[in-house]
Amino acid sequence: MCASVAGKRGRSVLVLDHANKVGKKILMSGGGRCNFTNLYTAPD
């Protein structure tokens, strides 16, 4: 997410990861369906 935001500001961006593919935790989250946000998000 940070890479996309910074890149769109014209910054050159490089993302490095030691894993063999990106977003591993995203892929397994929510039973494979990714609970990507919550309608009621608040600081509490």
PDB file of all heavy atoms in Angstrom:
ATOM      1  N   MET A   1       0.835  -1.203   0.000  1.00  0.00           N
ATOM      2  CA  MET A   1       0.000   0.000   0.000  1.00  0.00           C
ATOM      3  C   MET A   1       0.875   1.261   0.000  1.00  0.00           C
ATOM      4  O   MET A   1       0.647   2.203  -0.771  1.00  0.00           O
ATOM      5  CB  MET A   1      -0.906  -0.007   1.233  1.00  0.00           C
ATOM      6  CG  MET A   1      -1.864   1.168   1.307  1.00  0.00           C
ATOM      7  SD  MET A   1      -3.166   0.997   0.074  1.00  0.00           S
ATOM      8  CE  MET A   1      -4.287   2.279   0.613  1.00  0.00           C
ATOM      9  N   CYS A   2       1.889   1.259   0.838  1.00  0.00           N
ATOM     10  CA  CYS A   2       2.791   2.407   0.931  1.00  0.00           C
ATOM     11  C   CYS A   2       3.512   2.636  -0.397  1.00  0.00           C
ATOM     12  O   CYS A   2       3.671   3.784  -0.848  1.00  0.00           O
ATOM     13  CB  CYS A   2       3.800   2.177   2.052  1.00  0.00           C
ATOM     14  SG  CYS A   2       4.898   3.568   2.351  1.00  0.00           S
ATOM     15  N   ALA A   3       3.920   1.554  -1.039  1.00  0.00           N
ATOM     16  CA  ALA A   3       4.630   1.652  -2.321  1.00  0.00           C
ATOM     17  C   ALA A   3       3.768   2.331  -3.376  1.00  0.00           C
ATOM     18  O   ALA A   3       4.242   3.191  -4.130  1.00  0.00           O
ATOM     19  CB  ALA A   3       5.032   0.254  -2.788  1.00  0.00           C
ATOM     20  N   SER A   4       2.493   1.974  -3.427  1.00  0.00           N
ATOM     21  CA  SER A   4       1.609   2.556  -4.443  1.00  0.00           C
ATOM     22  C   SER A   4       1.375   4.040  -4.189  1.00  0.00           C
ATOM     23  O   SER A   4       1.362   4.848  -5.115  1.00  0.00           O
ATOM     24  CB  SER A   4       0.270   1.802  -4.488  1.00  0.00           C
ATOM     25  OG  SER A   4      -0.498   2.040  -3.335  1.00  0.00           O
ATOM     26  N   VAL A   5       1.226   4.412  -2.918  1.00  0.00           N
ATOM     27  CA  VAL A   5       0.968   5.820  -2.577  1.00  0.00           C
ATOM     28  C   VAL A   5       2.214   6.670  -2.863  1.00  0.00           C
ATOM     29  O   VAL A   5       2.137   7.742  -3.481  1.00  0.00           O
ATOM     30  CB  VAL A   5       0.547   5.956  -1.093  1.00  0.00           C
ATOM     31  CG1 VAL A   5       0.393   7.432  -0.705  1.00  0.00           C
ATOM     32  CG2 VAL A   5      -0.762   5.213  -0.841  1.00  0.00           C
ATOM     33  N   ALA A   6       3.374   6.185  -2.442  1.00  0.00           N
ATOM     34  CA  ALA A   6       4.619   6.941  -2.656  1.00  0.00           C
ATOM     35  C   ALA A   6       4.951   7.043  -4.142  1.00  0.00           C
ATOM     36  O   ALA A   6       5.357   8.107  -4.635  1.00  0.00           O
ATOM     37  CB  ALA A   6       5.769   6.277  -1.904  1.00  0.00           C
ATOM     38  N   GLY A   7       4.763   5.950  -4.871  1.00  0.00           N
ATOM     39  CA  GLY A   7       5.057   5.942  -6.307  1.00  0.00           C
ATOM     40  C   GLY A   7       4.196   6.917  -7.081  1.00  0.00           C
ATOM     41  O   GLY A   7       4.667   7.563  -8.029  1.00  0.00           O
ATOM     42  N   LYS A   8       2.959   7.056  -6.680  1.00  0.00           N
ATOM     43  CA  LYS A   8       2.046   7.970  -7.385  1.00  0.00           C
ATOM     44  C   LYS A   8       2.389   9.435  -7.109  1.00  0.00           C
ATOM     45  O   LYS A   8       1.890  10.326  -7.785  1.00  0.00           O
ATOM     46  CB  LYS A   8       0.595   7.660  -7.002  1.00  0.00           C
ATOM     47  CG  LYS A   8       0.109   6.380  -7.677  1.00  0.00           C
ATOM     48  CD  LYS A   8      -1.277   5.979  -7.237  1.00  0.00           C
ATOM     49  CE  LYS A   8      -1.656   4.652  -7.879  1.00  0.00           C
ATOM     50  NZ  LYS A   8      -2.959   4.169  -7.436  1.00  0.00           N
ATOM     51  N   ARG A   9       3.244   9.669  -6.122  1.00  0.00           N
ATOM     52  CA  ARG A   9       3.740  11.028  -5.866  1.00  0.00           C
ATOM     53  C   ARG A   9       4.982  11.323  -6.696  1.00  0.00           C
ATOM     54  O   ARG A   9       5.598  12.375  -6.550  1.00  0.00           O
ATOM     55  CB  ARG A   9       4.064  11.188  -4.390  1.00  0.00           C
ATOM     56  CG  ARG A   9       2.855  11.177  -3.458  1.00  0.00           C
ATOM     57  CD  ARG A   9       3.259  11.244  -1.985  1.00  0.00           C
ATOM     58  NE  ARG A   9       4.239  12.297  -1.753  1.00  0.00           N
ATOM     59  CZ  ARG A   9       5.436  12.117  -1.192  1.00  0.00           C
ATOM     60  NH1 ARG A   9       5.820  10.908  -0.812  1.00  0.00           N
ATOM     61  NH2 ARG A   9       6.257  13.123  -1.018  1.00  0.00           N
ATOM     62  N   GLY A  10       5.372  10.359  -7.533  1.00  0.00           N
ATOM     63  CA  GLY A  10       6.539  10.557  -8.386  1.00  0.00           C
ATOM     64  C   GLY A  10       7.838  10.088  -7.774  1.00  0.00           C
ATOM     65  O   GLY A  10       8.914  10.318  -8.335  1.00  0.00           O
ATOM     66  N   ARG A  11       7.754   9.417  -6.623  1.00  0.00           N
ATOM     67  CA  ARG A  11       8.957   8.892  -5.981  1.00  0.00           C
ATOM     68  C   ARG A  11       9.327   7.560  -6.616  1.00  0.00           C
ATOM     69  O   ARG A  11       8.454   6.753  -6.936  1.00  0.00           O
ATOM     70  CB  ARG A  11       8.713   8.686  -4.483  1.00  0.00           C
ATOM     71  CG  ARG A  11       8.247   9.938  -3.751  1.00  0.00           C
ATOM     72  CD  ARG A  11       9.366  10.926  -3.566  1.00  0.00           C
ATOM     73  NE  ARG A  11      10.179  10.576  -2.387  1.00  0.00           N
ATOM     74  CZ  ARG A  11      11.389  11.052  -2.168  1.00  0.00           C
ATOM     75  NH1 ARG A  11      11.962  11.858  -3.059  1.00  0.00           N
ATOM     76  NH2 ARG A  11      12.059  10.714  -1.074  1.00  0.00           N
ATOM     77  N   SER A  12      10.613   7.303  -6.774  1.00  0.00           N
ATOM     78  CA  SER A  12      11.033   5.968  -7.222  1.00  0.00           C
ATOM     79  C   SER A  12      10.987   5.056  -6.001  1.00  0.00           C
ATOM     80  O   SER A  12      11.476   5.408  -4.930  1.00  0.00           O
ATOM     81  CB  SER A  12      12.431   6.000  -7.825  1.00  0.00           C
ATOM     82  OG  SER A  12      13.378   6.450  -6.885  1.00  0.00           O
ATOM     83  N   VAL A  13      10.344   3.889  -6.161  1.00  0.00           N
ATOM     84  CA  VAL A  13      10.073   3.008  -5.022  1.00  0.00           C
ATOM     85  C   VAL A  13      10.545   1.590  -5.321  1.00  0.00           C
ATOM     86  O   VAL A  13      10.272   1.048  -6.400  1.00  0.00           O
ATOM     87  CB  VAL A  13       8.564   2.978  -4.683  1.00  0.00           C
ATOM     88  CG1 VAL A  13       8.307   2.068  -3.482  1.00  0.00           C
ATOM     89  CG2 VAL A  13       8.034   4.376  -4.411  1.00  0.00           C
ATOM     90  N   LEU A  14      11.211   0.990  -4.344  1.00  0.00           N
ATOM     91  CA  LEU A  14      11.621  -0.408  -4.431  1.00  0.00           C
ATOM     92  C   LEU A  14      11.128  -1.124  -3.174  1.00  0.00           C
ATOM     93  O   LEU A  14      11.349  -0.655  -2.059  1.00  0.00           O
ATOM     94  CB  LEU A  14      13.154  -0.509  -4.519  1.00  0.00           C
ATOM     95  CG  LEU A  14      13.748  -1.918  -4.489  1.00  0.00           C
ATOM     96  CD1 LEU A  14      13.303  -2.751  -5.688  1.00  0.00           C
ATOM     97  CD2 LEU A  14      15.277  -1.846  -4.418  1.00  0.00           C
ATOM     98  N   VAL A  15      10.440  -2.266  -3.372  1.00  0.00           N
ATOM     99  CA  VAL A  15       9.956  -3.085  -2.256  1.00  0.00           C
ATOM    100  C   VAL A  15      10.739  -4.391  -2.246  1.00  0.00           C
ATOM    101  O   VAL A  15      10.839  -5.066  -3.273  1.00  0.00           O
ATOM    102  CB  VAL A  15       8.447  -3.400  -2.392  1.00  0.00           C
ATOM    103  CG1 VAL A  15       7.942  -4.152  -1.157  1.00  0.00           C
ATOM    104  CG2 VAL A  15       7.638  -2.131  -2.612  1.00  0.00           C
ATOM    105  N   LEU A  16      11.284  -4.745  -1.079  1.00  0.00           N
ATOM    106  CA  LEU A  16      12.039  -5.991  -0.939  1.00  0.00           C
ATOM    107  C   LEU A  16      11.378  -6.905   0.092  1.00  0.00           C
ATOM    108  O   LEU A  16      10.889  -6.429   1.125  1.00  0.00           O
ATOM    109  CB  LEU A  16      13.479  -5.703  -0.489  1.00  0.00           C
ATOM    110  CG  LEU A  16      14.320  -4.797  -1.387  1.00  0.00           C
ATOM    111  CD1 LEU A  16      15.701  -4.605  -0.783  1.00  0.00           C
ATOM    112  CD2 LEU A  16      14.422  -5.357  -2.802  1.00  0.00           C
ATOM    113  N   ASP A  17      11.374  -8.210  -0.201  1.00  0.00           N
ATOM    114  CA  ASP A  17      10.819  -9.171   0.755  1.00  0.00           C
ATOM    115  C   ASP A  17      11.630 -10.460   0.687  1.00  0.00           C
ATOM    116  O   ASP A  17      12.037 -10.878  -0.395  1.00  0.00           O
ATOM    117  CB  ASP A  17       9.346  -9.469   0.449  1.00  0.00           C
ATOM    118  CG  ASP A  17       8.615 -10.053   1.651  1.00  0.00           C
ATOM    119  OD1 ASP A  17       8.967 -11.174   2.086  1.00  0.00           O
ATOM    120  OD2 ASP A  17       7.693  -9.399   2.161  1.00  0.00           O
ATOM    121  N   HIS A  18      11.847 -11.080   1.860  1.00  0.00           N
ATOM    122  CA  HIS A  18      12.647 -12.308   1.886  1.00  0.00           C
ATOM    123  C   HIS A  18      11.838 -13.537   1.450  1.00  0.00           C
ATOM    124  O   HIS A  18      12.413 -14.571   1.129  1.00  0.00           O
ATOM    125  CB  HIS A  18      13.220 -12.545   3.287  1.00  0.00           C
ATOM    126  CG  HIS A  18      12.184 -12.902   4.313  1.00  0.00           C
ATOM    127  ND1 HIS A  18      11.304 -11.984   4.822  1.00  0.00           N
ATOM    128  CD2 HIS A  18      11.882 -14.079   4.917  1.00  0.00           C
ATOM    129  CE1 HIS A  18      10.508 -12.581   5.706  1.00  0.00           C
ATOM    130  NE2 HIS A  18      10.835 -13.848   5.777  1.00  0.00           N
ATOM    131  N   ALA A  19      10.501 -13.420   1.421  1.00  0.00           N
ATOM    132  CA  ALA A  19       9.657 -14.560   1.051  1.00  0.00           C
ATOM    133  C   ALA A  19       9.698 -14.804  -0.457  1.00  0.00           C
ATOM    134  O   ALA A  19      10.197 -13.981  -1.225  1.00  0.00           O
ATOM    135  CB  ALA A  19       8.229 -14.310   1.505  1.00  0.00           C
ATOM    136  N   ASN A  20       9.121 -15.940  -0.862  1.00  0.00           N
ATOM    137  CA  ASN A  20       9.133 -16.282  -2.291  1.00  0.00           C
ATOM    138  C   ASN A  20       7.994 -15.634  -3.066  1.00  0.00           C
ATOM    139  O   ASN A  20       7.965 -15.661  -4.287  1.00  0.00           O
ATOM    140  CB  ASN A  20       9.094 -17.806  -2.486  1.00  0.00           C
ATOM    141  CG  ASN A  20       7.840 -18.429  -1.876  1.00  0.00           C
ATOM    142  OD1 ASN A  20       7.136 -17.795  -1.107  1.00  0.00           O
ATOM    143  ND2 ASN A  20       7.580 -19.670  -2.230  1.00  0.00           N
ATOM    144  N   LYS A  21       7.004 -15.066  -2.353  1.00  0.00           N
ATOM    145  CA  LYS A  21       5.933 -14.336  -3.031  1.00  0.00           C
ATOM    146  C   LYS A  21       5.372 -13.265  -2.099  1.00  0.00           C
ATOM    147  O   LYS A  21       5.547 -13.343  -0.876  1.00  0.00           O
ATOM    148  CB  LYS A  21       4.826 -15.277  -3.504  1.00  0.00           C
ATOM    149  CG  LYS A  21       4.128 -16.070  -2.427  1.00  0.00           C
ATOM    150  CD  LYS A  21       3.103 -17.018  -3.060  1.00  0.00           C
ATOM    151  CE  LYS A  21       2.448 -17.902  -2.005  1.00  0.00           C
ATOM    152  NZ  LYS A  21       1.508 -18.865  -2.603  1.00  0.00           N
ATOM    153  N   VAL A  22       4.686 -12.299  -2.682  1.00  0.00           N
ATOM    154  CA  VAL A  22       4.173 -11.172  -1.883  1.00  0.00           C
ATOM    155  C   VAL A  22       2.833 -11.527  -1.231  1.00  0.00           C
ATOM    156  O   VAL A  22       2.136 -12.430  -1.687  1.00  0.00           O
ATOM    157  CB  VAL A  22       4.006  -9.909  -2.758  1.00  0.00           C
ATOM    158  CG1 VAL A  22       5.300  -9.558  -3.471  1.00  0.00           C
ATOM    159  CG2 VAL A  22       2.863 -10.065  -3.752  1.00  0.00           C
ATOM    160  N   GLY A  23       2.502 -10.792  -0.175  1.00  0.00           N
ATOM    161  CA  GLY A  23       1.164 -10.852   0.416  1.00  0.00           C
ATOM    162  C   GLY A  23       0.737 -12.194   0.968  1.00  0.00           C
ATOM    163  O   GLY A  23      -0.453 -12.526   0.942  1.00  0.00           O
ATOM    164  N   LYS A  24       1.678 -12.957   1.517  1.00  0.00           N
ATOM    165  CA  LYS A  24       1.329 -14.298   2.003  1.00  0.00           C
ATOM    166  C   LYS A  24       0.240 -14.274   3.083  1.00  0.00           C
ATOM    167  O   LYS A  24      -0.664 -15.100   3.093  1.00  0.00           O
ATOM    168  CB  LYS A  24       2.574 -15.001   2.554  1.00  0.00           C
ATOM    169  CG  LYS A  24       3.444 -15.647   1.493  1.00  0.00           C
ATOM    170  CD  LYS A  24       4.498 -16.534   2.141  1.00  0.00           C
ATOM    171  CE  LYS A  24       5.167 -17.423   1.109  1.00  0.00           C
ATOM    172  NZ  LYS A  24       6.091 -18.378   1.748  1.00  0.00           N
ATOM    173  N   LYS A  25       0.357 -13.316   4.006  1.00  0.00           N
ATOM    174  CA  LYS A  25      -0.618 -13.261   5.103  1.00  0.00           C
ATOM    175  C   LYS A  25      -1.992 -12.817   4.592  1.00  0.00           C
ATOM    176  O   LYS A  25      -3.027 -13.235   5.106  1.00  0.00           O
ATOM    177  CB  LYS A  25      -0.122 -12.308   6.193  1.00  0.00           C
ATOM    178  CG  LYS A  25      -0.235 -12.902   7.591  1.00  0.00           C
ATOM    179  CD  LYS A  25       0.418 -12.029   8.631  1.00  0.00           C
ATOM    180  CE  LYS A  25      -0.228 -12.287   9.978  1.00  0.00           C
ATOM    181  NZ  LYS A  25       0.258 -11.397  11.021  1.00  0.00           N
ATOM    182  N   ILE A  26      -1.992 -11.973   3.569  1.00  0.00           N
ATOM    183  CA  ILE A  26      -3.257 -11.564   2.953  1.00  0.00           C
ATOM    184  C   ILE A  26      -3.939 -12.790   2.356  1.00  0.00           C
ATOM    185  O   ILE A  26      -5.141 -13.005   2.529  1.00  0.00           O
ATOM    186  CB  ILE A  26      -3.038 -10.517   1.839  1.00  0.00           C
ATOM    187  CG1 ILE A  26      -2.340  -9.281   2.378  1.00  0.00           C
ATOM    188  CG2 ILE A  26      -4.367 -10.137   1.182  1.00  0.00           C
ATOM    189  CD1 ILE A  26      -1.939  -8.270   1.304  1.00  0.00           C
ATOM    190  N   LEU A  27      -3.175 -13.606   1.661  1.00  0.00           N
ATOM    191  CA  LEU A  27      -3.733 -14.764   0.956  1.00  0.00           C
ATOM    192  C   LEU A  27      -4.403 -15.753   1.902  1.00  0.00           C
ATOM    193  O   LEU A  27      -5.424 -16.348   1.556  1.00  0.00           O
ATOM    194  CB  LEU A  27      -2.636 -15.470   0.152  1.00  0.00           C
ATOM    195  CG  LEU A  27      -2.089 -14.689  -1.045  1.00  0.00           C
ATOM    196  CD1 LEU A  27      -0.847 -15.360  -1.610  1.00  0.00           C
ATOM    197  CD2 LEU A  27      -3.151 -14.539  -2.138  1.00  0.00           C
ATOM    198  N   MET A  28      -3.843 -15.928   3.111  1.00  0.00           N
ATOM    199  CA  MET A  28      -4.423 -16.914   4.020  1.00  0.00           C
ATOM    200  C   MET A  28      -5.469 -16.307   4.966  1.00  0.00           C
ATOM    201  O   MET A  28      -6.149 -17.021   5.684  1.00  0.00           O
ATOM    202  CB  MET A  28      -3.324 -17.616   4.827  1.00  0.00           C
ATOM    203  CG  MET A  28      -2.439 -16.724   5.686  1.00  0.00           C
ATOM    204  SD  MET A  28      -3.104 -16.149   7.267  1.00  0.00           S
ATOM    205  CE  MET A  28      -3.109 -17.682   8.176  1.00  0.00           C
ATOM    206  N   SER A  29      -5.616 -15.000   4.948  1.00  0.00           N
ATOM    207  CA  SER A  29      -6.493 -14.336   5.916  1.00  0.00           C
ATOM    208  C   SER A  29      -7.976 -14.566   5.604  1.00  0.00           C
ATOM    209  O   SER A  29      -8.364 -14.790   4.463  1.00  0.00           O
ATOM    210  CB  SER A  29      -6.207 -12.834   5.946  1.00  0.00           C
ATOM    211  OG  SER A  29      -6.598 -12.253   4.717  1.00  0.00           O
ATOM    212  N   GLY A  30      -8.767 -14.488   6.664  1.00  0.00           N
ATOM    213  CA  GLY A  30     -10.220 -14.607   6.500  1.00  0.00           C
ATOM    214  C   GLY A  30     -10.653 -15.903   5.858  1.00  0.00           C
ATOM    215  O   GLY A  30     -11.608 -15.932   5.077  1.00  0.00           O
ATOM    216  N   GLY A  31      -9.931 -17.008   6.184  1.00  0.00           N
ATOM    217  CA  GLY A  31     -10.285 -18.289   5.577  1.00  0.00           C
ATOM    218  C   GLY A  31     -10.113 -18.290   4.074  1.00  0.00           C
ATOM    219  O   GLY A  31     -10.810 -18.997   3.348  1.00  0.00           O
ATOM    220  N   GLY A  32      -9.156 -17.454   3.591  1.00  0.00           N
ATOM    221  CA  GLY A  32      -8.900 -17.385   2.153  1.00  0.00           C
ATOM    222  C   GLY A  32      -9.742 -16.364   1.430  1.00  0.00           C
ATOM    223  O   GLY A  32      -9.690 -16.252   0.199  1.00  0.00           O
ATOM    224  N   ARG A  33     -10.526 -15.564   2.205  1.00  0.00           N
ATOM    225  CA  ARG A  33     -11.366 -14.537   1.568  1.00  0.00           C
ATOM    226  C   ARG A  33     -11.032 -13.123   2.020  1.00  0.00           C
ATOM    227  O   ARG A  33     -11.655 -12.177   1.559  1.00  0.00           O
ATOM    228  CB  ARG A  33     -12.845 -14.839   1.814  1.00  0.00           C
ATOM    229  CG  ARG A  33     -13.306 -16.069   1.032  1.00  0.00           C
ATOM    230  CD  ARG A  33     -14.795 -16.138   0.912  1.00  0.00           C
ATOM    231  NE  ARG A  33     -15.197 -17.207   0.017  1.00  0.00           N
ATOM    232  CZ  ARG A  33     -16.443 -17.539  -0.237  1.00  0.00           C
ATOM    233  NH1 ARG A  33     -17.429 -16.870   0.363  1.00  0.00           N
ATOM    234  NH2 ARG A  33     -16.748 -18.514  -1.068  1.00  0.00           N
ATOM    235  N   CYS A  34     -10.072 -12.982   2.905  1.00  0.00           N
ATOM    236  CA  CYS A  34      -9.537 -11.684   3.324  1.00  0.00           C
ATOM    237  C   CYS A  34     -10.587 -10.722   3.878  1.00  0.00           C
ATOM    238  O   CYS A  34     -11.305 -10.061   3.132  1.00  0.00           O
ATOM    239  CB  CYS A  34      -8.780 -10.997   2.184  1.00  0.00           C
ATOM    240  SG  CYS A  34      -7.893  -9.524   2.763  1.00  0.00           S
ATOM    241  N   ASN A  35     -10.623 -10.636   5.192  1.00  0.00           N
ATOM    242  CA  ASN A  35     -11.485  -9.657   5.872  1.00  0.00           C
ATOM    243  C   ASN A  35     -10.743  -8.316   5.842  1.00  0.00           C
ATOM    244  O   ASN A  35     -10.047  -7.957   6.771  1.00  0.00           O
ATOM    245  CB  ASN A  35     -11.724 -10.145   7.301  1.00  0.00           C
ATOM    246  CG  ASN A  35     -12.558  -9.219   8.153  1.00  0.00           C
ATOM    247  OD1 ASN A  35     -12.602  -9.377   9.354  1.00  0.00           O
ATOM    248  ND2 ASN A  35     -13.209  -8.240   7.547  1.00  0.00           N
ATOM    249  N   PHE A  36     -10.908  -7.584   4.717  1.00  0.00           N
ATOM    250  CA  PHE A  36     -10.010  -6.479   4.383  1.00  0.00           C
ATOM    251  C   PHE A  36     -10.248  -5.175   5.126  1.00  0.00           C
ATOM    252  O   PHE A  36      -9.398  -4.293   5.138  1.00  0.00           O
ATOM    253  CB  PHE A  36      -9.995  -6.225   2.869  1.00  0.00           C
ATOM    254  CG  PHE A  36     -11.357  -5.940   2.269  1.00  0.00           C
ATOM    255  CD1 PHE A  36     -11.922  -4.684   2.341  1.00  0.00           C
ATOM    256  CD2 PHE A  36     -12.054  -6.947   1.611  1.00  0.00           C
ATOM    257  CE1 PHE A  36     -13.162  -4.407   1.782  1.00  0.00           C
ATOM    258  CE2 PHE A  36     -13.297  -6.689   1.039  1.00  0.00           C
ATOM    259  CZ  PHE A  36     -13.866  -5.415   1.128  1.00  0.00           C
ATOM    260  N   THR A  37     -11.418  -5.007   5.747  1.00  0.00           N
ATOM    261  CA  THR A  37     -11.640  -3.844   6.616  1.00  0.00           C
ATOM    262  C   THR A  37     -12.897  -4.083   7.435  1.00  0.00           C
ATOM    263  O   THR A  37     -13.537  -5.144   7.337  1.00  0.00           O
ATOM    264  CB  THR A  37     -11.743  -2.525   5.833  1.00  0.00           C
ATOM    265  OG1 THR A  37     -11.648  -1.417   6.755  1.00  0.00           O
ATOM    266  CG2 THR A  37     -13.052  -2.392   5.072  1.00  0.00           C
ATOM    267  N   ASN A  38     -13.259  -3.109   8.249  1.00  0.00           N
ATOM    268  CA  ASN A  38     -14.474  -3.193   9.049  1.00  0.00           C
ATOM    269  C   ASN A  38     -15.227  -1.870   8.951  1.00  0.00           C
ATOM    270  O   ASN A  38     -14.635  -0.796   9.070  1.00  0.00           O
ATOM    271  CB  ASN A  38     -14.128  -3.491  10.513  1.00  0.00           C
ATOM    272  CG  ASN A  38     -15.356  -3.918  11.297  1.00  0.00           C
ATOM    273  OD1 ASN A  38     -16.275  -3.128  11.525  1.00  0.00           O
ATOM    274  ND2 ASN A  38     -15.384  -5.181  11.710  1.00  0.00           N
ATOM    275  N   LEU A  39     -16.531  -1.973   8.719  1.00  0.00           N
ATOM    276  CA  LEU A  39     -17.372  -0.777   8.565  1.00  0.00           C
ATOM    277  C   LEU A  39     -17.336   0.124   9.795  1.00  0.00           C
ATOM    278  O   LEU A  39     -17.558   1.326   9.694  1.00  0.00           O
ATOM    279  CB  LEU A  39     -18.835  -1.196   8.306  1.00  0.00           C
ATOM    280  CG  LEU A  39     -19.124  -1.909   6.991  1.00  0.00           C
ATOM    281  CD1 LEU A  39     -20.578  -2.386   6.967  1.00  0.00           C
ATOM    282  CD2 LEU A  39     -18.853  -0.989   5.793  1.00  0.00           C
ATOM    283  N   TYR A  40     -17.077  -0.456  10.949  1.00  0.00           N
ATOM    284  CA  TYR A  40     -17.168   0.303  12.197  1.00  0.00           C
ATOM    285  C   TYR A  40     -15.797   0.660  12.786  1.00  0.00           C
ATOM    286  O   TYR A  40     -15.677   0.909  13.983  1.00  0.00           O
ATOM    287  CB  TYR A  40     -17.996  -0.489  13.225  1.00  0.00           C
ATOM    288  CG  TYR A  40     -19.344  -0.890  12.681  1.00  0.00           C
ATOM    289  CD1 TYR A  40     -19.721  -2.234  12.608  1.00  0.00           C
ATOM    290  CD2 TYR A  40     -20.234   0.069  12.199  1.00  0.00           C
ATOM    291  CE1 TYR A  40     -20.949  -2.605  12.086  1.00  0.00           C
ATOM    292  CE2 TYR A  40     -21.466  -0.296  11.669  1.00  0.00           C
ATOM    293  CZ  TYR A  40     -21.822  -1.628  11.612  1.00  0.00           C
ATOM    294  OH  TYR A  40     -23.037  -1.994  11.092  1.00  0.00           O
ATOM    295  N   THR A  41     -14.777   0.706  11.942  1.00  0.00           N
ATOM    296  CA  THR A  41     -13.433   1.008  12.437  1.00  0.00           C
ATOM    297  C   THR A  41     -13.395   2.349  13.176  1.00  0.00           C
ATOM    298  O   THR A  41     -13.870   3.361  12.666  1.00  0.00           O
ATOM    299  CB  THR A  41     -12.424   1.069  11.272  1.00  0.00           C
ATOM    300  OG1 THR A  41     -12.447  -0.175  10.578  1.00  0.00           O
ATOM    301  CG2 THR A  41     -11.011   1.314  11.801  1.00  0.00           C
ATOM    302  N   ALA A  42     -12.828   2.317  14.375  1.00  0.00           N
ATOM    303  CA  ALA A  42     -12.650   3.530  15.187  1.00  0.00           C
ATOM    304  C   ALA A  42     -11.430   3.302  16.082  1.00  0.00           C
ATOM    305  O   ALA A  42     -11.032   2.157  16.322  1.00  0.00           O
ATOM    306  CB  ALA A  42     -13.896   3.784  16.034  1.00  0.00           C
ATOM    307  N   PRO A  43     -10.829   4.367  16.586  1.00  0.00           N
ATOM    308  CA  PRO A  43      -9.643   4.212  17.448  1.00  0.00           C
ATOM    309  C   PRO A  43      -9.860   3.281  18.640  1.00  0.00           C
ATOM    310  O   PRO A  43      -8.910   2.634  19.101  1.00  0.00           O
ATOM    311  CB  PRO A  43      -9.359   5.644  17.903  1.00  0.00           C
ATOM    312  CG  PRO A  43      -9.875   6.493  16.786  1.00  0.00           C
ATOM    313  CD  PRO A  43     -11.109   5.794  16.298  1.00  0.00           C
ATOM    314  N   ASP A  44     -11.099   3.190  19.128  1.00  0.00           N
ATOM    315  CA  ASP A  44     -11.380   2.329  20.281  1.00  0.00           C
ATOM    316  C   ASP A  44     -11.190   0.849  19.972  1.00  0.00           C
ATOM    317  O   ASP A  44     -11.186   0.024  20.893  1.00  0.00           O
ATOM    318  CB  ASP A  44     -12.819   2.549  20.772  1.00  0.00           C
ATOM    319  CG  ASP A  44     -12.996   3.894  21.449  1.00  0.00           C
ATOM    320  OD1 ASP A  44     -11.980   4.546  21.727  1.00  0.00           O
ATOM    321  OD2 ASP A  44     -14.152   4.294  21.689  1.00  0.00           O
TER     322      ASP A  44
END
